[in-house]
PDB file of all heavy atoms in Angstrom:
ATOM      1  N   SER A   1      25.658 207.466 187.684  1.00  0.00           N
ATOM      2  CA  SER A   1      25.854 207.257 186.091  1.00  0.00           C
ATOM      3  C   SER A   1      25.366 205.959 185.679  1.00  0.00           C
ATOM      4  O   SER A   1      24.824 205.783 184.658  1.00  0.00           O
ATOM      5  CB  SER A   1      27.322 207.585 185.871  1.00  0.00           C
ATOM      6  OG  SER A   1      27.740 208.876 186.143  1.00  0.00           O
ATOM      7  N   ALA A   2      25.677 204.974 186.555  1.00  0.00           N
ATOM      8  CA  ALA A   2      25.323 203.571 186.150  1.00  0.00           C
ATOM      9  C   ALA A   2      23.780 203.411 186.135  1.00  0.00           C
ATOM     10  O   ALA A   2      23.239 202.825 185.216  1.00  0.00           O
ATOM     11  CB  ALA A   2      25.912 202.696 187.160  1.00  0.00           C
ATOM     12  N   TYR A   3      23.212 203.964 187.184  1.00  0.00           N
ATOM     13  CA  TYR A   3      21.705 203.753 187.245  1.00  0.00           C
ATOM     14  C   TYR A   3      21.019 204.490 186.094  1.00  0.00           C
ATOM     15  O   TYR A   3      19.964 204.029 185.696  1.00  0.00           O
ATOM     16  CB  TYR A   3      21.195 204.279 188.502  1.00  0.00           C
ATOM     17  CG  TYR A   3      19.669 203.967 188.615  1.00  0.00           C
ATOM     18  CD1 TYR A   3      19.299 202.740 188.922  1.00  0.00           C
ATOM     19  CD2 TYR A   3      18.780 205.028 188.517  1.00  0.00           C
ATOM     20  CE1 TYR A   3      17.885 202.389 189.001  1.00  0.00           C
ATOM     21  CE2 TYR A   3      17.358 204.721 188.517  1.00  0.00           C
ATOM     22  CZ  TYR A   3      16.960 203.453 188.780  1.00  0.00           C
ATOM     23  OH  TYR A   3      15.647 203.009 188.880  1.00  0.00           O
ATOM     24  N   LYS A   4      21.545 205.650 185.573  1.00  0.00           N
ATOM     25  CA  LYS A   4      20.891 206.305 184.512  1.00  0.00           C
ATOM     26  C   LYS A   4      20.848 205.414 183.171  1.00  0.00           C
ATOM     27  O   LYS A   4      20.009 205.613 182.376  1.00  0.00           O
ATOM     28  CB  LYS A   4      21.729 207.604 184.221  1.00  0.00           C
ATOM     29  CG  LYS A   4      21.475 208.664 185.248  1.00  0.00           C
ATOM     30  CD  LYS A   4      22.314 209.974 184.900  1.00  0.00           C
ATOM     31  CE  LYS A   4      22.071 211.013 185.994  1.00  0.00           C
ATOM     32  NZ  LYS A   4      22.954 212.218 185.625  1.00  0.00           N
ATOM     33  N   LEU A   5      21.721 204.414 183.172  1.00  0.00           N
ATOM     34  CA  LEU A   5      21.677 203.569 181.959  1.00  0.00           C
ATOM     35  C   LEU A   5      20.454 202.620 182.006  1.00  0.00           C
ATOM     36  O   LEU A   5      20.260 202.012 181.032  1.00  0.00           O
ATOM     37  CB  LEU A   5      23.040 202.697 181.951  1.00  0.00           C
ATOM     38  CG  LEU A   5      24.330 203.517 181.807  1.00  0.00           C
ATOM     39  CD1 LEU A   5      25.544 202.641 181.904  1.00  0.00           C
ATOM     40  CD2 LEU A   5      24.271 204.233 180.448  1.00  0.00           C
ATOM     41  N   ARG A   6      19.848 202.504 183.119  1.00  0.00           N
ATOM     42  CA  ARG A   6      18.632 201.661 183.178  1.00  0.00           C
ATOM     43  C   ARG A   6      17.559 202.062 182.218  1.00  0.00           C
ATOM     44  O   ARG A   6      16.778 201.296 181.757  1.00  0.00           O
ATOM     45  CB  ARG A   6      18.021 201.656 184.673  1.00  0.00           C
ATOM     46  CG  ARG A   6      17.022 200.543 184.970  1.00  0.00           C
ATOM     47  CD  ARG A   6      16.104 200.900 185.918  1.00  0.00           C
ATOM     48  NE  ARG A   6      15.193 202.017 185.586  1.00  0.00           N
ATOM     49  CZ  ARG A   6      14.100 201.844 184.810  1.00  0.00           C
ATOM     50  NH1 ARG A   6      13.695 200.619 184.388  1.00  0.00           N
ATOM     51  NH2 ARG A   6      13.334 202.915 184.489  1.00  0.00           N
ATOM     52  N   TRP A   7      17.594 203.320 181.911  1.00  0.00           N
ATOM     53  CA  TRP A   7      16.489 203.871 180.960  1.00  0.00           C
ATOM     54  C   TRP A   7      16.722 203.255 179.571  1.00  0.00           C
ATOM     55  O   TRP A   7      15.778 203.204 178.786  1.00  0.00           O
ATOM     56  CB  TRP A   7      16.671 205.413 180.836  1.00  0.00           C
ATOM     57  CG  TRP A   7      15.535 205.993 180.011  1.00  0.00           C
ATOM     58  CD1 TRP A   7      15.558 206.605 178.815  1.00  0.00           C
ATOM     59  CD2 TRP A   7      14.214 205.993 180.344  1.00  0.00           C
ATOM     60  NE1 TRP A   7      14.411 207.000 178.453  1.00  0.00           N
ATOM     61  CE2 TRP A   7      13.455 206.685 179.374  1.00  0.00           C
ATOM     62  CE3 TRP A   7      13.460 205.554 181.465  1.00  0.00           C
ATOM     63  CZ2 TRP A   7      12.067 206.872 179.402  1.00  0.00           C
ATOM     64  CZ3 TRP A   7      12.027 205.771 181.524  1.00  0.00           C
ATOM     65  CH2 TRP A   7      11.381 206.428 180.462  1.00  0.00           C
ATOM     66  N   SER A   8      17.890 202.687 179.333  1.00  0.00           N
ATOM     67  CA  SER A   8      18.148 202.159 178.041  1.00  0.00           C
ATOM     68  C   SER A   8      17.286 200.948 177.735  1.00  0.00           C
ATOM     69  O   SER A   8      16.743 200.727 176.570  1.00  0.00           O
ATOM     70  CB  SER A   8      19.677 201.665 177.899  1.00  0.00           C
ATOM     71  OG  SER A   8      19.886 200.568 178.782  1.00  0.00           O
ATOM     72  N   ILE A   9      16.853 200.269 178.778  1.00  0.00           N
ATOM     73  CA  ILE A   9      15.970 199.096 178.485  1.00  0.00           C
ATOM     74  C   ILE A   9      14.583 199.521 178.193  1.00  0.00           C
ATOM     75  O   ILE A   9      13.764 198.865 177.412  1.00  0.00           O
ATOM     76  CB  ILE A   9      15.913 198.026 179.694  1.00  0.00           C
ATOM     77  CG1 ILE A   9      15.447 196.668 179.248  1.00  0.00           C
ATOM     78  CG2 ILE A   9      15.214 198.656 180.899  1.00  0.00           C
ATOM     79  CD1 ILE A   9      15.747 195.578 180.238  1.00  0.00           C
ATOM     80  N   GLU A  10      14.096 200.687 178.732  1.00  0.00           N
ATOM     81  CA  GLU A  10      12.855 201.347 178.376  1.00  0.00           C
ATOM     82  C   GLU A  10      12.893 201.739 176.962  1.00  0.00           C
ATOM     83  O   GLU A  10      11.874 201.585 176.178  1.00  0.00           O
ATOM     84  CB  GLU A  10      12.538 202.495 179.297  1.00  0.00           C
ATOM     85  CG  GLU A  10      12.499 202.163 180.752  1.00  0.00           C
ATOM     86  CD  GLU A  10      11.273 201.373 181.147  1.00  0.00           C
ATOM     87  OE1 GLU A  10      10.334 201.097 180.319  1.00  0.00           O
ATOM     88  OE2 GLU A  10      11.192 201.003 182.396  1.00  0.00           O
ATOM     89  N   CYS A  11      13.995 202.191 176.511  1.00  0.00           N
ATOM     90  CA  CYS A  11      14.097 202.614 175.002  1.00  0.00           C
ATOM     91  C   CYS A  11      14.009 201.387 174.083  1.00  0.00           C
ATOM     92  O   CYS A  11      13.322 201.445 173.061  1.00  0.00           O
ATOM     93  CB  CYS A  11      15.407 203.334 174.800  1.00  0.00           C
ATOM     94  SG  CYS A  11      15.566 204.823 175.683  1.00  0.00           S
ATOM     95  N   THR A  12      14.546 200.313 174.521  1.00  0.00           N
ATOM     96  CA  THR A  12      14.396 199.087 173.775  1.00  0.00           C
ATOM     97  C   THR A  12      13.000 198.565 173.707  1.00  0.00           C
ATOM     98  O   THR A  12      12.471 198.224 172.598  1.00  0.00           O
ATOM     99  CB  THR A  12      15.308 197.952 174.406  1.00  0.00           C
ATOM    100  OG1 THR A  12      16.657 198.332 174.353  1.00  0.00           O
ATOM    101  CG2 THR A  12      15.025 196.585 173.629  1.00  0.00           C
ATOM    102  N   PHE A  13      12.365 198.582 174.763  1.00  0.00           N
ATOM    103  CA  PHE A  13      10.902 198.125 174.789  1.00  0.00           C
ATOM    104  C   PHE A  13      10.038 199.052 173.959  1.00  0.00           C
ATOM    105  O   PHE A  13       9.158 198.522 173.181  1.00  0.00           O
ATOM    106  CB  PHE A  13      10.309 198.161 176.315  1.00  0.00           C
ATOM    107  CG  PHE A  13      10.988 197.065 177.134  1.00  0.00           C
ATOM    108  CD1 PHE A  13      11.003 197.259 178.568  1.00  0.00           C
ATOM    109  CD2 PHE A  13      11.424 195.928 176.689  1.00  0.00           C
ATOM    110  CE1 PHE A  13      11.500 196.280 179.303  1.00  0.00           C
ATOM    111  CE2 PHE A  13      12.051 194.987 177.433  1.00  0.00           C
ATOM    112  CZ  PHE A  13      11.947 195.081 178.820  1.00  0.00           C
ATOM    113  N   SER A  14      10.307 200.298 174.023  1.00  0.00           N
ATOM    114  CA  SER A  14       9.593 201.299 173.154  1.00  0.00           C
ATOM    115  C   SER A  14       9.719 200.951 171.709  1.00  0.00           C
ATOM    116  O   SER A  14       8.819 201.079 170.858  1.00  0.00           O
ATOM    117  CB  SER A  14       9.984 202.670 173.468  1.00  0.00           C
ATOM    118  OG  SER A  14       9.307 203.603 172.652  1.00  0.00           O
ATOM    119  N   ALA A  15      11.072 200.740 171.240  1.00  0.00           N
ATOM    120  CA  ALA A  15      11.348 200.447 169.864  1.00  0.00           C
ATOM    121  C   ALA A  15      10.854 199.132 169.465  1.00  0.00           C
ATOM    122  O   ALA A  15      10.591 198.825 168.273  1.00  0.00           O
ATOM    123  CB  ALA A  15      12.936 200.526 169.685  1.00  0.00           C
ATOM    124  N   MET A  16      10.622 198.236 170.400  1.00  0.00           N
ATOM    125  CA  MET A  16       9.991 196.908 170.021  1.00  0.00           C
ATOM    126  C   MET A  16       8.487 196.956 169.963  1.00  0.00           C
ATOM    127  O   MET A  16       7.896 195.984 169.285  1.00  0.00           O
ATOM    128  CB  MET A  16      10.404 195.790 170.995  1.00  0.00           C
ATOM    129  CG  MET A  16      11.880 195.361 170.949  1.00  0.00           C
ATOM    130  SD  MET A  16      12.196 194.016 172.084  1.00  0.00           S
ATOM    131  CE  MET A  16      13.827 193.481 171.349  1.00  0.00           C
ATOM    132  N   LYS A  17       7.928 197.883 170.593  1.00  0.00           N
ATOM    133  CA  LYS A  17       6.460 197.976 170.613  1.00  0.00           C
ATOM    134  C   LYS A  17       5.912 199.070 169.709  1.00  0.00           C
ATOM    135  O   LYS A  17       6.229 198.998 168.559  1.00  0.00           O
ATOM    136  CB  LYS A  17       6.032 198.173 172.088  1.00  0.00           C
ATOM    137  CG  LYS A  17       6.420 196.916 172.969  1.00  0.00           C
ATOM    138  CD  LYS A  17       6.255 197.067 174.500  1.00  0.00           C
ATOM    139  CE  LYS A  17       4.868 197.074 174.927  1.00  0.00           C
ATOM    140  NZ  LYS A  17       4.793 197.150 176.455  1.00  0.00           N
ATOM    141  N   SER A  18       5.259 200.031 170.237  1.00  0.00           N
ATOM    142  CA  SER A  18       4.545 200.985 169.362  1.00  0.00           C
ATOM    143  C   SER A  18       5.368 201.900 168.569  1.00  0.00           C
ATOM    144  O   SER A  18       4.942 202.377 167.507  1.00  0.00           O
ATOM    145  CB  SER A  18       3.545 201.832 170.226  1.00  0.00           C
ATOM    146  OG  SER A  18       4.311 202.538 171.295  1.00  0.00           O
ATOM    147  N   ARG A  19       6.661 202.043 168.957  1.00  0.00           N
ATOM    148  CA  ARG A  19       7.446 202.936 168.068  1.00  0.00           C
ATOM    149  C   ARG A  19       8.383 202.186 167.152  1.00  0.00           C
ATOM    150  O   ARG A  19       9.290 202.644 166.593  1.00  0.00           O
ATOM    151  CB  ARG A  19       8.504 203.792 168.972  1.00  0.00           C
ATOM    152  CG  ARG A  19       7.673 204.818 169.842  1.00  0.00           C
ATOM    153  CD  ARG A  19       8.609 205.768 170.544  1.00  0.00           C
ATOM    154  NE  ARG A  19       7.903 206.798 171.266  1.00  0.00           N
ATOM    155  CZ  ARG A  19       8.444 207.898 171.908  1.00  0.00           C
ATOM    156  NH1 ARG A  19       9.782 207.831 172.017  1.00  0.00           N
ATOM    157  NH2 ARG A  19       7.706 208.676 172.638  1.00  0.00           N
ATOM    158  N   GLY A  20       8.076 200.816 166.981  1.00  0.00           N
ATOM    159  CA  GLY A  20       8.922 200.051 166.084  1.00  0.00           C
ATOM    160  C   GLY A  20       8.247 198.868 165.510  1.00  0.00           C
ATOM    161  O   GLY A  20       7.477 198.957 164.539  1.00  0.00           O
ATOM    162  N   PHE A  21       8.411 197.730 166.243  1.00  0.00           N
ATOM    163  CA  PHE A  21       7.898 196.428 165.685  1.00  0.00           C
ATOM    164  C   PHE A  21       6.501 196.075 166.097  1.00  0.00           C
ATOM    165  O   PHE A  21       6.086 195.007 165.762  1.00  0.00           O
ATOM    166  CB  PHE A  21       8.887 195.390 165.951  1.00  0.00           C
ATOM    167  CG  PHE A  21      10.279 195.514 165.318  1.00  0.00           C
ATOM    168  CD1 PHE A  21      11.343 196.265 165.852  1.00  0.00           C
ATOM    169  CD2 PHE A  21      10.345 195.064 163.980  1.00  0.00           C
ATOM    170  CE1 PHE A  21      12.493 196.464 165.179  1.00  0.00           C
ATOM    171  CE2 PHE A  21      11.610 195.246 163.293  1.00  0.00           C
ATOM    172  CZ  PHE A  21      12.588 195.919 163.887  1.00  0.00           C
ATOM    173  N   ASN A  22       5.967 196.909 166.946  1.00  0.00           N
ATOM    174  CA  ASN A  22       4.564 196.653 167.378  1.00  0.00           C
ATOM    175  C   ASN A  22       4.340 195.223 167.986  1.00  0.00           C
ATOM    176  O   ASN A  22       3.351 194.525 167.618  1.00  0.00           O
ATOM    177  CB  ASN A  22       3.545 196.932 166.205  1.00  0.00           C
ATOM    178  CG  ASN A  22       3.474 198.384 165.920  1.00  0.00           C
ATOM    179  OD1 ASN A  22       2.852 199.139 166.652  1.00  0.00           O
ATOM    180  ND2 ASN A  22       4.027 198.765 164.785  1.00  0.00           N
ATOM    181  N   LEU A  23       5.140 194.928 168.981  1.00  0.00           N
ATOM    182  CA  LEU A  23       5.071 193.574 169.540  1.00  0.00           C
ATOM    183  C   LEU A  23       3.721 193.374 170.106  1.00  0.00           C
ATOM    184  O   LEU A  23       3.172 192.205 170.186  1.00  0.00           O
ATOM    185  CB  LEU A  23       6.140 193.562 170.674  1.00  0.00           C
ATOM    186  CG  LEU A  23       6.207 192.285 171.550  1.00  0.00           C
ATOM    187  CD1 LEU A  23       6.573 191.084 170.601  1.00  0.00           C
ATOM    188  CD2 LEU A  23       7.302 192.498 172.614  1.00  0.00           C
ATOM    189  N   GLU A  24       3.099 194.422 170.609  1.00  0.00           N
ATOM    190  CA  GLU A  24       1.735 194.209 171.326  1.00  0.00           C
ATOM    191  C   GLU A  24       0.588 193.887 170.405  1.00  0.00           C
ATOM    192  O   GLU A  24      -0.480 193.604 170.768  1.00  0.00           O
ATOM    193  CB  GLU A  24       1.421 195.400 172.228  1.00  0.00           C
ATOM    194  CG  GLU A  24       1.147 196.733 171.444  1.00  0.00           C
ATOM    195  CD  GLU A  24       2.332 197.488 171.086  1.00  0.00           C
ATOM    196  OE1 GLU A  24       3.466 196.913 170.863  1.00  0.00           O
ATOM    197  OE2 GLU A  24       2.219 198.767 171.122  1.00  0.00           O
ATOM    198  N   GLN A  25       0.852 193.918 169.090  1.00  0.00           N
ATOM    199  CA  GLN A  25      -0.197 193.570 168.057  1.00  0.00           C
ATOM    200  C   GLN A  25      -0.356 191.965 167.939  1.00  0.00           C
ATOM    201  O   GLN A  25      -1.273 191.661 167.322  1.00  0.00           O
ATOM    202  CB  GLN A  25       0.177 194.141 166.690  1.00  0.00           C
ATOM    203  CG  GLN A  25       0.007 195.747 166.694  1.00  0.00           C
ATOM    204  CD  GLN A  25       0.296 196.174 165.191  1.00  0.00           C
ATOM    205  OE1 GLN A  25       0.761 195.433 164.364  1.00  0.00           O
ATOM    206  NE2 GLN A  25       0.081 197.496 165.112  1.00  0.00           N
ATOM    207  N   THR A  26       0.531 191.258 168.595  1.00  0.00           N
ATOM    208  CA  THR A  26       0.429 189.829 168.366  1.00  0.00           C
ATOM    209  C   THR A  26      -0.852 189.223 169.112  1.00  0.00           C
ATOM    210  O   THR A  26      -1.222 189.774 170.007  1.00  0.00           O
ATOM    211  CB  THR A  26       1.670 189.143 168.858  1.00  0.00           C
ATOM    212  OG1 THR A  26       1.536 187.716 168.626  1.00  0.00           O
ATOM    213  CG2 THR A  26       1.822 189.398 170.413  1.00  0.00           C
ATOM    214  N   GLY A  27      -1.269 188.148 168.509  1.00  0.00           N
ATOM    215  CA  GLY A  27      -2.301 187.459 169.172  1.00  0.00           C
ATOM    216  C   GLY A  27      -1.787 186.258 169.912  1.00  0.00           C
ATOM    217  O   GLY A  27      -2.561 185.426 170.424  1.00  0.00           O
ATOM    218  N   ILE A  28      -0.518 186.017 169.943  1.00  0.00           N
ATOM    219  CA  ILE A  28       0.077 184.968 170.718  1.00  0.00           C
ATOM    220  C   ILE A  28       0.003 185.115 172.208  1.00  0.00           C
ATOM    221  O   ILE A  28       0.495 186.195 172.606  1.00  0.00           O
ATOM    222  CB  ILE A  28       1.565 184.680 170.214  1.00  0.00           C
ATOM    223  CG1 ILE A  28       1.666 184.291 168.811  1.00  0.00           C
ATOM    224  CG2 ILE A  28       2.232 183.675 171.042  1.00  0.00           C
ATOM    225  CD1 ILE A  28       3.074 184.192 168.172  1.00  0.00           C
ATOM    226  N   THR A  29      -0.444 184.208 172.888  1.00  0.00           N
ATOM    227  CA  THR A  29      -0.546 184.250 174.363  1.00  0.00           C
ATOM    228  C   THR A  29       0.111 183.078 175.118  1.00  0.00           C
ATOM    229  O   THR A  29       0.407 183.127 176.315  1.00  0.00           O
ATOM    230  CB  THR A  29      -2.024 184.364 174.852  1.00  0.00           C
ATOM    231  OG1 THR A  29      -2.730 183.256 174.393  1.00  0.00           O
ATOM    232  CG2 THR A  29      -2.727 185.568 174.284  1.00  0.00           C
ATOM    233  N   GLN A  30       0.336 182.002 174.357  1.00  0.00           N
ATOM    234  CA  GLN A  30       0.909 180.753 174.900  1.00  0.00           C
ATOM    235  C   GLN A  30       2.415 181.032 175.194  1.00  0.00           C
ATOM    236  O   GLN A  30       3.158 181.731 174.425  1.00  0.00           O
ATOM    237  CB  GLN A  30       0.818 179.621 173.961  1.00  0.00           C
ATOM    238  CG  GLN A  30       0.983 178.228 174.623  1.00  0.00           C
ATOM    239  CD  GLN A  30       2.409 177.791 174.495  1.00  0.00           C
ATOM    240  OE1 GLN A  30       3.240 178.252 173.716  1.00  0.00           O
ATOM    241  NE2 GLN A  30       2.755 176.768 175.304  1.00  0.00           N
ATOM    242  N   LYS A  31       2.859 180.699 176.448  1.00  0.00           N
ATOM    243  CA  LYS A  31       4.128 181.079 176.979  1.00  0.00           C
ATOM    244  C   LYS A  31       5.333 180.767 176.025  1.00  0.00           C
ATOM    245  O   LYS A  31       6.090 181.744 175.778  1.00  0.00           O
ATOM    246  CB  LYS A  31       4.392 180.368 178.405  1.00  0.00           C
ATOM    247  CG  LYS A  31       5.686 180.685 179.017  1.00  0.00           C
ATOM    248  CD  LYS A  31       5.896 179.988 180.423  1.00  0.00           C
ATOM    249  CE  LYS A  31       7.078 180.423 181.091  1.00  0.00           C
ATOM    250  NZ  LYS A  31       8.308 180.096 180.420  1.00  0.00           N
TER     251      LYS A  31
END
């Protein structure tokens, strides 16, 4: 049951990227 919660971080990344805020559109590369 605990390990199934790991998928929640994948949902966050998806919502921050192409399904939400499009994080990967940035041109920033400096750390």
